[in-house]
N, C-alpha and C. Protein backbone atom coordinates (compact mmCIF):
# COMPACT_ATOMS: atom_id res chain seq x y z
N MET A 1 2.23 -57.16 -28.53
CA MET A 1 3.50 -56.82 -29.16
C MET A 1 3.41 -55.38 -29.67
N LYS A 2 4.41 -54.59 -29.33
CA LYS A 2 4.43 -53.21 -29.80
C LYS A 2 5.05 -53.12 -31.19
N GLU A 3 4.75 -52.03 -31.89
CA GLU A 3 5.32 -51.85 -33.23
C GLU A 3 6.83 -51.71 -33.13
N GLY A 4 7.51 -52.25 -34.11
CA GLY A 4 8.96 -52.20 -34.13
C GLY A 4 9.60 -53.28 -33.29
N TYR A 5 8.82 -54.27 -32.88
CA TYR A 5 9.29 -55.34 -32.01
C TYR A 5 10.32 -56.20 -32.74
N LYS A 6 11.45 -56.42 -32.07
CA LYS A 6 12.51 -57.28 -32.59
C LYS A 6 12.94 -58.21 -31.47
N PHE A 7 13.30 -59.44 -31.81
CA PHE A 7 13.64 -60.40 -30.78
C PHE A 7 14.64 -61.42 -31.30
N ILE A 8 15.24 -62.13 -30.34
CA ILE A 8 16.07 -63.29 -30.65
C ILE A 8 15.53 -64.46 -29.83
N ILE A 9 15.86 -65.66 -30.28
CA ILE A 9 15.50 -66.87 -29.55
C ILE A 9 16.72 -67.31 -28.75
N GLN A 10 16.55 -67.46 -27.45
CA GLN A 10 17.64 -67.87 -26.58
C GLN A 10 17.76 -69.40 -26.55
N PRO A 11 18.88 -69.92 -26.02
CA PRO A 11 19.08 -71.37 -26.02
C PRO A 11 17.94 -72.17 -25.36
N ASP A 12 17.26 -71.56 -24.40
CA ASP A 12 16.15 -72.27 -23.74
C ASP A 12 14.85 -72.18 -24.54
N GLY A 13 14.90 -71.52 -25.71
CA GLY A 13 13.72 -71.41 -26.57
C GLY A 13 12.88 -70.18 -26.33
N SER A 14 13.21 -69.40 -25.32
CA SER A 14 12.42 -68.20 -25.03
C SER A 14 12.86 -67.04 -25.93
N GLU A 15 11.93 -66.10 -26.14
CA GLU A 15 12.24 -64.89 -26.91
C GLU A 15 12.79 -63.83 -25.96
N ARG A 16 13.75 -63.08 -26.46
CA ARG A 16 14.26 -61.92 -25.73
C ARG A 16 14.15 -60.72 -26.65
N GLU A 17 13.49 -59.68 -26.16
CA GLU A 17 13.32 -58.48 -26.96
C GLU A 17 14.65 -57.75 -27.13
N ILE A 18 14.84 -57.21 -28.31
CA ILE A 18 16.03 -56.43 -28.65
C ILE A 18 15.60 -54.98 -28.78
N ASP A 19 16.32 -54.08 -28.11
CA ASP A 19 15.98 -52.66 -28.24
C ASP A 19 16.92 -52.00 -29.25
N TRP A 20 16.61 -50.75 -29.59
CA TRP A 20 17.39 -50.04 -30.62
C TRP A 20 18.86 -49.88 -30.25
N PRO A 21 19.19 -49.51 -29.00
CA PRO A 21 20.62 -49.40 -28.68
C PRO A 21 21.39 -50.71 -28.88
N GLU A 22 20.76 -51.84 -28.53
CA GLU A 22 21.42 -53.13 -28.73
C GLU A 22 21.60 -53.43 -30.22
N LEU A 23 20.58 -53.13 -31.00
CA LEU A 23 20.65 -53.35 -32.44
C LEU A 23 21.71 -52.45 -33.08
N ASN A 24 21.78 -51.21 -32.63
CA ASN A 24 22.79 -50.28 -33.16
C ASN A 24 24.20 -50.73 -32.80
N HIS A 25 24.37 -51.26 -31.58
CA HIS A 25 25.69 -51.77 -31.18
C HIS A 25 26.09 -52.95 -32.08
N LEU A 26 25.12 -53.79 -32.37
CA LEU A 26 25.36 -54.93 -33.25
C LEU A 26 25.79 -54.46 -34.64
N LYS A 27 25.12 -53.42 -35.14
CA LYS A 27 25.47 -52.87 -36.46
C LYS A 27 26.89 -52.32 -36.45
N LYS A 28 27.27 -51.64 -35.39
CA LYS A 28 28.64 -51.12 -35.29
C LYS A 28 29.66 -52.26 -35.31
N ASP A 29 29.35 -53.34 -34.60
CA ASP A 29 30.27 -54.49 -34.59
C ASP A 29 30.40 -55.09 -35.99
N ILE A 30 29.29 -55.24 -36.67
CA ILE A 30 29.32 -55.81 -38.03
C ILE A 30 30.16 -54.93 -38.95
N LEU A 31 29.91 -53.63 -38.93
CA LEU A 31 30.63 -52.73 -39.83
C LEU A 31 32.12 -52.68 -39.48
N TRP A 32 32.46 -52.76 -38.22
CA TRP A 32 33.87 -52.77 -37.82
C TRP A 32 34.55 -54.03 -38.37
N ILE A 33 33.88 -55.17 -38.21
CA ILE A 33 34.43 -56.44 -38.73
C ILE A 33 34.59 -56.37 -40.25
N PHE A 34 33.57 -55.83 -40.94
CA PHE A 34 33.66 -55.68 -42.40
C PHE A 34 34.91 -54.88 -42.76
N ASP A 35 35.09 -53.74 -42.12
CA ASP A 35 36.19 -52.84 -42.45
C ASP A 35 37.54 -53.44 -42.08
N GLU A 36 37.65 -54.01 -40.92
CA GLU A 36 38.93 -54.51 -40.42
C GLU A 36 39.40 -55.77 -41.14
N ASN A 37 38.48 -56.62 -41.55
CA ASN A 37 38.88 -57.95 -42.02
C ASN A 37 38.62 -58.23 -43.49
N TYR A 38 38.06 -57.28 -44.21
CA TYR A 38 37.82 -57.49 -45.64
C TYR A 38 39.14 -57.86 -46.33
N GLY A 39 39.10 -58.90 -47.12
CA GLY A 39 40.26 -59.31 -47.90
C GLY A 39 41.22 -60.23 -47.15
N ASP A 40 41.01 -60.40 -45.85
CA ASP A 40 41.91 -61.25 -45.08
C ASP A 40 41.13 -62.01 -44.00
N LEU A 41 40.02 -62.60 -44.40
CA LEU A 41 39.13 -63.26 -43.45
C LEU A 41 39.76 -64.47 -42.77
N GLY A 42 40.73 -65.07 -43.41
CA GLY A 42 41.42 -66.21 -42.80
C GLY A 42 42.36 -65.82 -41.69
N ASN A 43 42.79 -64.57 -41.68
CA ASN A 43 43.66 -64.04 -40.63
C ASN A 43 42.94 -62.94 -39.87
N ALA A 44 41.70 -63.16 -39.60
CA ALA A 44 40.84 -62.13 -39.00
C ALA A 44 41.36 -61.66 -37.65
N PHE A 45 41.12 -60.38 -37.40
CA PHE A 45 41.41 -59.79 -36.11
C PHE A 45 40.08 -59.49 -35.44
N VAL A 46 39.84 -60.14 -34.31
CA VAL A 46 38.61 -59.96 -33.54
C VAL A 46 39.02 -59.75 -32.09
N PRO A 47 39.13 -58.49 -31.65
CA PRO A 47 39.54 -58.26 -30.27
C PRO A 47 38.44 -58.70 -29.29
N SER A 48 38.76 -59.71 -28.48
CA SER A 48 37.75 -60.29 -27.59
C SER A 48 37.26 -59.28 -26.55
N TYR A 49 38.07 -58.28 -26.23
CA TYR A 49 37.62 -57.27 -25.26
C TYR A 49 36.51 -56.40 -25.83
N SER A 50 36.39 -56.32 -27.14
CA SER A 50 35.33 -55.54 -27.78
C SER A 50 34.19 -56.42 -28.28
N PHE A 51 34.50 -57.64 -28.65
CA PHE A 51 33.52 -58.54 -29.26
C PHE A 51 33.15 -59.64 -28.26
N SER A 52 32.28 -59.27 -27.33
CA SER A 52 31.93 -60.20 -26.25
C SER A 52 30.46 -60.62 -26.29
N GLN A 53 29.74 -60.19 -27.32
CA GLN A 53 28.32 -60.58 -27.44
C GLN A 53 28.21 -62.06 -27.81
N ARG A 54 27.05 -62.60 -27.56
CA ARG A 54 26.75 -63.98 -27.98
C ARG A 54 26.16 -63.89 -29.39
N TYR A 55 27.02 -63.59 -30.37
CA TYR A 55 26.59 -63.29 -31.74
C TYR A 55 25.75 -64.40 -32.36
N TRP A 56 26.04 -65.62 -32.02
CA TRP A 56 25.31 -66.76 -32.58
C TRP A 56 23.82 -66.69 -32.25
N GLU A 57 23.45 -66.16 -31.10
CA GLU A 57 22.03 -66.04 -30.75
C GLU A 57 21.31 -65.08 -31.69
N TYR A 58 22.02 -64.09 -32.19
CA TYR A 58 21.41 -63.10 -33.07
C TYR A 58 21.08 -63.67 -34.46
N LEU A 59 21.57 -64.87 -34.77
CA LEU A 59 21.17 -65.50 -36.03
C LEU A 59 19.67 -65.76 -36.07
N THR A 60 19.02 -65.74 -34.91
CA THR A 60 17.56 -65.93 -34.83
C THR A 60 16.82 -64.60 -34.84
N LEU A 61 17.54 -63.51 -35.05
CA LEU A 61 16.94 -62.17 -35.03
C LEU A 61 15.77 -62.08 -36.00
N ASP A 62 14.65 -61.63 -35.49
CA ASP A 62 13.43 -61.49 -36.28
C ASP A 62 12.62 -60.35 -35.68
N GLY A 63 11.51 -60.05 -36.30
CA GLY A 63 10.68 -58.98 -35.79
C GLY A 63 9.37 -58.86 -36.53
N ASP A 64 8.68 -57.78 -36.25
CA ASP A 64 7.37 -57.56 -36.87
C ASP A 64 7.53 -56.96 -38.27
N LYS A 65 6.43 -56.52 -38.84
CA LYS A 65 6.43 -56.03 -40.23
C LYS A 65 7.33 -54.81 -40.43
N TRP A 66 7.69 -54.13 -39.35
CA TRP A 66 8.53 -52.94 -39.47
C TRP A 66 10.02 -53.27 -39.49
N PHE A 67 10.34 -54.52 -39.30
CA PHE A 67 11.73 -54.97 -39.40
C PHE A 67 11.87 -55.58 -40.79
N TYR A 68 12.28 -54.76 -41.72
CA TYR A 68 12.28 -55.12 -43.14
C TYR A 68 13.27 -56.24 -43.48
N GLU A 69 12.92 -57.00 -44.51
CA GLU A 69 13.75 -58.13 -44.94
C GLU A 69 15.18 -57.68 -45.28
N GLU A 70 15.31 -56.54 -45.91
CA GLU A 70 16.64 -56.02 -46.27
C GLU A 70 17.48 -55.79 -45.01
N ASP A 71 16.86 -55.26 -43.97
CA ASP A 71 17.58 -55.03 -42.71
C ASP A 71 17.94 -56.36 -42.04
N LYS A 72 17.00 -57.29 -42.03
CA LYS A 72 17.28 -58.61 -41.44
C LYS A 72 18.45 -59.27 -42.18
N ALA A 73 18.45 -59.16 -43.51
CA ALA A 73 19.51 -59.78 -44.30
C ALA A 73 20.87 -59.17 -43.94
N PHE A 74 20.92 -57.85 -43.75
CA PHE A 74 22.18 -57.21 -43.35
C PHE A 74 22.68 -57.81 -42.04
N TYR A 75 21.80 -57.88 -41.05
CA TYR A 75 22.22 -58.40 -39.75
C TYR A 75 22.62 -59.87 -39.84
N HIS A 76 21.82 -60.68 -40.50
CA HIS A 76 22.14 -62.11 -40.57
C HIS A 76 23.46 -62.34 -41.30
N ARG A 77 23.66 -61.69 -42.43
CA ARG A 77 24.92 -61.88 -43.17
C ARG A 77 26.11 -61.32 -42.39
N GLY A 78 25.89 -60.17 -41.77
CA GLY A 78 26.95 -59.59 -40.95
C GLY A 78 27.33 -60.48 -39.78
N LEU A 79 26.33 -61.10 -39.17
CA LEU A 79 26.60 -62.02 -38.07
C LEU A 79 27.36 -63.25 -38.54
N LEU A 80 27.01 -63.73 -39.71
CA LEU A 80 27.76 -64.86 -40.27
C LEU A 80 29.22 -64.49 -40.50
N ILE A 81 29.46 -63.28 -40.98
CA ILE A 81 30.85 -62.83 -41.17
C ILE A 81 31.56 -62.70 -39.82
N ILE A 82 30.88 -62.16 -38.81
CA ILE A 82 31.49 -62.09 -37.47
C ILE A 82 31.86 -63.48 -36.98
N LEU A 83 30.94 -64.43 -37.12
CA LEU A 83 31.21 -65.79 -36.66
C LEU A 83 32.35 -66.43 -37.45
N LEU A 84 32.42 -66.16 -38.75
CA LEU A 84 33.52 -66.66 -39.57
C LEU A 84 34.85 -66.10 -39.05
N CYS A 85 34.87 -64.80 -38.80
CA CYS A 85 36.10 -64.17 -38.29
C CYS A 85 36.47 -64.71 -36.91
N CYS A 86 35.49 -64.95 -36.07
CA CYS A 86 35.76 -65.54 -34.75
C CYS A 86 36.33 -66.95 -34.90
N CYS A 87 35.81 -67.71 -35.84
CA CYS A 87 36.38 -69.05 -36.10
C CYS A 87 37.83 -68.93 -36.54
N SER A 88 38.11 -68.00 -37.45
CA SER A 88 39.48 -67.81 -37.92
C SER A 88 40.40 -67.46 -36.76
N GLU A 89 39.94 -66.59 -35.90
CA GLU A 89 40.72 -66.17 -34.73
C GLU A 89 40.94 -67.36 -33.79
N TYR A 90 39.91 -68.13 -33.54
CA TYR A 90 39.97 -69.24 -32.58
C TYR A 90 40.91 -70.34 -33.05
N ILE A 91 40.81 -70.75 -34.30
CA ILE A 91 41.60 -71.91 -34.75
C ILE A 91 43.04 -71.55 -35.11
N ASP A 92 43.37 -70.27 -35.09
CA ASP A 92 44.75 -69.83 -35.34
C ASP A 92 45.50 -69.88 -34.01
N ILE A 93 45.95 -71.07 -33.64
CA ILE A 93 46.59 -71.27 -32.34
C ILE A 93 47.87 -70.43 -32.20
N PRO A 94 48.76 -70.38 -33.22
CA PRO A 94 49.99 -69.61 -33.04
C PRO A 94 49.78 -68.11 -32.78
N THR A 95 48.85 -67.47 -33.47
CA THR A 95 48.73 -66.01 -33.33
C THR A 95 47.32 -65.53 -33.00
N GLY A 96 46.36 -66.42 -32.96
CA GLY A 96 44.97 -66.03 -32.70
C GLY A 96 44.65 -66.01 -31.22
N SER A 97 43.35 -65.95 -30.95
CA SER A 97 42.88 -65.93 -29.57
C SER A 97 41.66 -66.84 -29.43
N GLN A 98 41.70 -67.69 -28.44
CA GLN A 98 40.58 -68.58 -28.18
C GLN A 98 39.56 -67.92 -27.25
N GLU A 99 39.78 -66.66 -26.91
CA GLU A 99 38.85 -65.94 -26.05
C GLU A 99 37.62 -65.44 -26.80
N VAL A 100 37.60 -65.57 -28.13
CA VAL A 100 36.45 -65.08 -28.91
C VAL A 100 35.21 -65.95 -28.70
N PHE A 101 35.41 -67.22 -28.36
CA PHE A 101 34.30 -68.13 -28.05
C PHE A 101 34.61 -68.82 -26.73
N PRO A 102 33.67 -68.85 -25.80
CA PRO A 102 33.88 -69.71 -24.64
C PRO A 102 33.87 -71.17 -25.10
N ARG A 103 34.89 -71.91 -24.76
CA ARG A 103 35.03 -73.29 -25.25
C ARG A 103 33.79 -74.13 -24.96
N GLN A 104 33.20 -73.94 -23.78
CA GLN A 104 32.02 -74.73 -23.42
C GLN A 104 30.81 -74.37 -24.27
N ASP A 105 30.83 -73.23 -24.95
CA ASP A 105 29.70 -72.82 -25.81
C ASP A 105 29.83 -73.29 -27.25
N LEU A 106 30.95 -73.88 -27.62
CA LEU A 106 31.15 -74.29 -29.02
C LEU A 106 30.02 -75.18 -29.55
N PRO A 107 29.54 -76.18 -28.79
CA PRO A 107 28.42 -76.98 -29.30
C PRO A 107 27.13 -76.16 -29.48
N ILE A 108 26.89 -75.23 -28.59
CA ILE A 108 25.69 -74.37 -28.69
C ILE A 108 25.81 -73.47 -29.92
N ILE A 109 26.99 -72.92 -30.12
CA ILE A 109 27.22 -72.06 -31.29
C ILE A 109 26.97 -72.86 -32.57
N ALA A 110 27.53 -74.06 -32.62
CA ALA A 110 27.34 -74.92 -33.80
C ALA A 110 25.86 -75.21 -34.04
N LYS A 111 25.11 -75.41 -32.97
CA LYS A 111 23.67 -75.69 -33.11
C LYS A 111 22.95 -74.48 -33.72
N TYR A 112 23.27 -73.28 -33.24
CA TYR A 112 22.65 -72.08 -33.81
C TYR A 112 22.98 -71.95 -35.30
N VAL A 113 24.24 -72.18 -35.65
CA VAL A 113 24.65 -72.06 -37.05
C VAL A 113 23.96 -73.14 -37.90
N GLU A 114 23.94 -74.36 -37.40
CA GLU A 114 23.27 -75.45 -38.14
C GLU A 114 21.80 -75.14 -38.39
N GLU A 115 21.14 -74.55 -37.40
CA GLU A 115 19.71 -74.27 -37.51
C GLU A 115 19.39 -72.99 -38.28
N TYR A 116 20.41 -72.20 -38.58
CA TYR A 116 20.19 -70.98 -39.34
C TYR A 116 19.71 -71.34 -40.75
N ASN A 117 18.65 -70.71 -41.17
CA ASN A 117 18.06 -70.97 -42.48
C ASN A 117 18.72 -70.06 -43.53
N SER A 118 19.72 -70.59 -44.22
CA SER A 118 20.43 -69.81 -45.24
C SER A 118 19.47 -69.40 -46.34
N LYS A 119 19.62 -68.16 -46.80
CA LYS A 119 18.70 -67.61 -47.80
C LYS A 119 19.32 -67.42 -49.17
N SER A 120 20.58 -67.80 -49.32
CA SER A 120 21.25 -67.65 -50.61
C SER A 120 22.41 -68.64 -50.69
N LYS A 121 22.93 -68.80 -51.90
CA LYS A 121 24.09 -69.68 -52.09
C LYS A 121 25.28 -69.16 -51.29
N GLU A 122 25.45 -67.83 -51.28
CA GLU A 122 26.55 -67.23 -50.50
C GLU A 122 26.44 -67.60 -49.03
N GLU A 123 25.24 -67.51 -48.50
CA GLU A 123 25.04 -67.83 -47.09
C GLU A 123 25.28 -69.31 -46.81
N ILE A 124 24.90 -70.17 -47.74
CA ILE A 124 25.13 -71.62 -47.57
C ILE A 124 26.63 -71.89 -47.50
N LEU A 125 27.41 -71.30 -48.41
CA LEU A 125 28.86 -71.49 -48.41
C LEU A 125 29.48 -70.95 -47.12
N LEU A 126 29.01 -69.80 -46.70
CA LEU A 126 29.52 -69.18 -45.48
C LEU A 126 29.18 -70.04 -44.26
N LYS A 127 27.95 -70.50 -44.21
CA LYS A 127 27.51 -71.36 -43.10
C LYS A 127 28.36 -72.63 -43.05
N ASP A 128 28.61 -73.25 -44.20
CA ASP A 128 29.43 -74.46 -44.24
C ASP A 128 30.85 -74.19 -43.74
N LYS A 129 31.40 -73.04 -44.12
CA LYS A 129 32.76 -72.69 -43.70
C LYS A 129 32.80 -72.47 -42.19
N ILE A 130 31.79 -71.81 -41.65
CA ILE A 130 31.72 -71.59 -40.20
C ILE A 130 31.60 -72.92 -39.47
N LEU A 131 30.75 -73.81 -39.97
CA LEU A 131 30.60 -75.11 -39.32
C LEU A 131 31.91 -75.90 -39.34
N LEU A 132 32.67 -75.79 -40.44
CA LEU A 132 33.98 -76.43 -40.49
C LEU A 132 34.89 -75.82 -39.42
N GLY A 133 34.90 -74.50 -39.33
CA GLY A 133 35.72 -73.83 -38.32
C GLY A 133 35.33 -74.24 -36.90
N LEU A 134 34.04 -74.35 -36.64
CA LEU A 134 33.58 -74.77 -35.31
C LEU A 134 33.94 -76.23 -35.05
N ASN A 135 33.87 -77.06 -36.09
CA ASN A 135 34.26 -78.46 -35.94
C ASN A 135 35.74 -78.56 -35.59
N ILE A 136 36.55 -77.77 -36.25
CA ILE A 136 37.99 -77.74 -35.95
C ILE A 136 38.19 -77.27 -34.51
N ALA A 137 37.53 -76.18 -34.15
CA ALA A 137 37.68 -75.62 -32.80
C ALA A 137 37.33 -76.65 -31.72
N GLN A 138 36.23 -77.37 -31.95
CA GLN A 138 35.80 -78.36 -30.96
C GLN A 138 36.74 -79.56 -30.89
N SER A 139 37.44 -79.85 -31.98
CA SER A 139 38.29 -81.04 -32.01
C SER A 139 39.73 -80.77 -31.56
N ILE A 140 40.07 -79.52 -31.30
CA ILE A 140 41.42 -79.21 -30.84
C ILE A 140 41.54 -79.65 -29.38
N PRO A 141 42.47 -80.55 -29.09
CA PRO A 141 42.65 -80.97 -27.70
C PRO A 141 43.05 -79.78 -26.81
N GLU A 142 42.57 -79.81 -25.60
CA GLU A 142 42.81 -78.72 -24.63
C GLU A 142 44.31 -78.39 -24.52
N ASP A 143 45.16 -79.41 -24.46
CA ASP A 143 46.60 -79.18 -24.34
C ASP A 143 47.17 -78.45 -25.55
N ASP A 144 46.61 -78.72 -26.73
CA ASP A 144 47.13 -78.08 -27.94
C ASP A 144 46.74 -76.61 -28.03
N LEU A 145 45.73 -76.19 -27.28
CA LEU A 145 45.37 -74.77 -27.26
C LEU A 145 46.49 -73.93 -26.65
N LYS A 146 47.32 -74.55 -25.85
CA LYS A 146 48.43 -73.85 -25.20
C LYS A 146 49.73 -73.97 -26.00
N ASN A 147 49.73 -74.83 -27.01
CA ASN A 147 50.92 -75.09 -27.83
C ASN A 147 50.91 -74.14 -29.02
N LYS A 148 51.70 -73.10 -28.96
CA LYS A 148 51.71 -72.07 -30.01
C LYS A 148 52.27 -72.57 -31.34
N GLU A 149 52.74 -73.79 -31.38
CA GLU A 149 53.23 -74.39 -32.62
C GLU A 149 52.17 -75.25 -33.29
N TYR A 150 51.07 -75.51 -32.60
CA TYR A 150 50.05 -76.44 -33.09
C TYR A 150 49.26 -75.85 -34.26
N VAL A 151 49.09 -76.65 -35.30
CA VAL A 151 48.23 -76.30 -36.43
C VAL A 151 47.35 -77.52 -36.70
N HIS A 152 46.06 -77.34 -36.63
CA HIS A 152 45.12 -78.44 -36.86
C HIS A 152 45.23 -78.90 -38.32
N PRO A 153 45.13 -80.21 -38.58
CA PRO A 153 45.27 -80.71 -39.96
C PRO A 153 44.24 -80.17 -40.95
N LYS A 154 43.09 -79.70 -40.47
CA LYS A 154 42.06 -79.20 -41.39
C LYS A 154 42.08 -77.68 -41.57
N VAL A 155 43.07 -77.01 -41.01
CA VAL A 155 43.14 -75.56 -41.15
C VAL A 155 43.28 -75.14 -42.61
N GLY A 156 44.05 -75.88 -43.39
CA GLY A 156 44.20 -75.57 -44.82
C GLY A 156 42.88 -75.64 -45.55
N GLU A 157 42.09 -76.66 -45.25
CA GLU A 157 40.75 -76.80 -45.85
C GLU A 157 39.86 -75.63 -45.44
N TYR A 158 39.97 -75.21 -44.19
CA TYR A 158 39.18 -74.07 -43.71
C TYR A 158 39.54 -72.80 -44.48
N HIS A 159 40.83 -72.55 -44.66
CA HIS A 159 41.27 -71.32 -45.32
C HIS A 159 41.02 -71.31 -46.83
N LYS A 160 40.85 -72.49 -47.42
CA LYS A 160 40.66 -72.57 -48.87
C LYS A 160 39.43 -71.76 -49.29
N ASP A 161 39.63 -70.80 -50.16
CA ASP A 161 38.56 -69.97 -50.73
C ASP A 161 37.80 -69.14 -49.71
N ILE A 162 38.36 -68.92 -48.53
CA ILE A 162 37.62 -68.20 -47.49
C ILE A 162 37.29 -66.77 -47.92
N ASN A 163 38.22 -66.08 -48.57
CA ASN A 163 37.93 -64.71 -49.03
C ASN A 163 36.92 -64.70 -50.16
N GLU A 164 37.01 -65.69 -51.04
CA GLU A 164 36.05 -65.77 -52.15
C GLU A 164 34.63 -66.03 -51.64
N ILE A 165 34.51 -66.66 -50.48
CA ILE A 165 33.21 -66.94 -49.89
C ILE A 165 32.69 -65.73 -49.11
N GLY A 166 33.54 -65.12 -48.31
CA GLY A 166 33.09 -64.04 -47.43
C GLY A 166 33.11 -62.64 -48.01
N ASN A 167 34.12 -62.33 -48.82
CA ASN A 167 34.24 -60.97 -49.34
C ASN A 167 33.04 -60.49 -50.15
N PRO A 168 32.40 -61.32 -50.98
CA PRO A 168 31.24 -60.82 -51.74
C PRO A 168 30.10 -60.28 -50.85
N ILE A 169 29.93 -60.86 -49.69
CA ILE A 169 28.89 -60.36 -48.78
C ILE A 169 29.23 -58.95 -48.33
N ILE A 170 30.48 -58.73 -47.99
CA ILE A 170 30.92 -57.40 -47.56
C ILE A 170 30.83 -56.42 -48.74
N GLU A 171 31.32 -56.84 -49.90
CA GLU A 171 31.27 -55.98 -51.09
C GLU A 171 29.83 -55.60 -51.45
N ASN A 172 28.93 -56.57 -51.42
CA ASN A 172 27.53 -56.29 -51.76
C ASN A 172 26.90 -55.30 -50.81
N TYR A 173 27.26 -55.37 -49.55
CA TYR A 173 26.72 -54.40 -48.59
C TYR A 173 27.16 -52.99 -48.97
N PHE A 174 28.46 -52.80 -49.18
CA PHE A 174 28.95 -51.45 -49.48
C PHE A 174 28.46 -50.95 -50.84
N LYS A 175 28.33 -51.83 -51.82
CA LYS A 175 27.76 -51.43 -53.11
C LYS A 175 26.32 -50.96 -52.94
N SER A 176 25.55 -51.66 -52.12
CA SER A 176 24.15 -51.26 -51.91
C SER A 176 24.06 -49.90 -51.23
N ILE A 177 24.99 -49.59 -50.37
CA ILE A 177 25.01 -48.28 -49.71
C ILE A 177 25.33 -47.19 -50.73
N LEU A 178 26.30 -47.45 -51.60
CA LEU A 178 26.69 -46.47 -52.60
C LEU A 178 25.59 -46.22 -53.64
N GLU A 179 24.74 -47.22 -53.85
CA GLU A 179 23.67 -47.09 -54.84
C GLU A 179 22.44 -46.38 -54.30
N LYS A 180 22.39 -46.14 -53.02
CA LYS A 180 21.21 -45.48 -52.43
C LYS A 180 21.17 -44.02 -52.77
């Protein structure tokens, strides 16, 4: 293993090395989501033409001693926010887009989120909200995905306190940058 080694675990259990350009692209996606959706996470805008990565796989992002815990925390929390925003986009049948997640991948995405080891109360709340969103997404009948009038009965529960759960993660990131 070379110094600076970073990797993710793929669905088949194998490691895939992550290089700096891929990590930098991920950081840009996280920061864009933070900026675009802060304060309105329940009505998130996630353009599927720009956000096509398998973000759930990056929840396993790890590395050697040169990949500092603070950096890992940024990526993991940012990825949770991306997944939350993708859930908001997916379950918003009237105005959202179901192109943010391939429907056949919803169980795999849920497995990655379930297996993610939350490191704080904020992350636990966020993880629970994402799992609720994924549960809703998986339970929407195929025909209702085409019905622009359809609203899943649990959407209200999903939206409850969503900004109070997600916004502190975004705020804490920007505060930490300003304090440097």
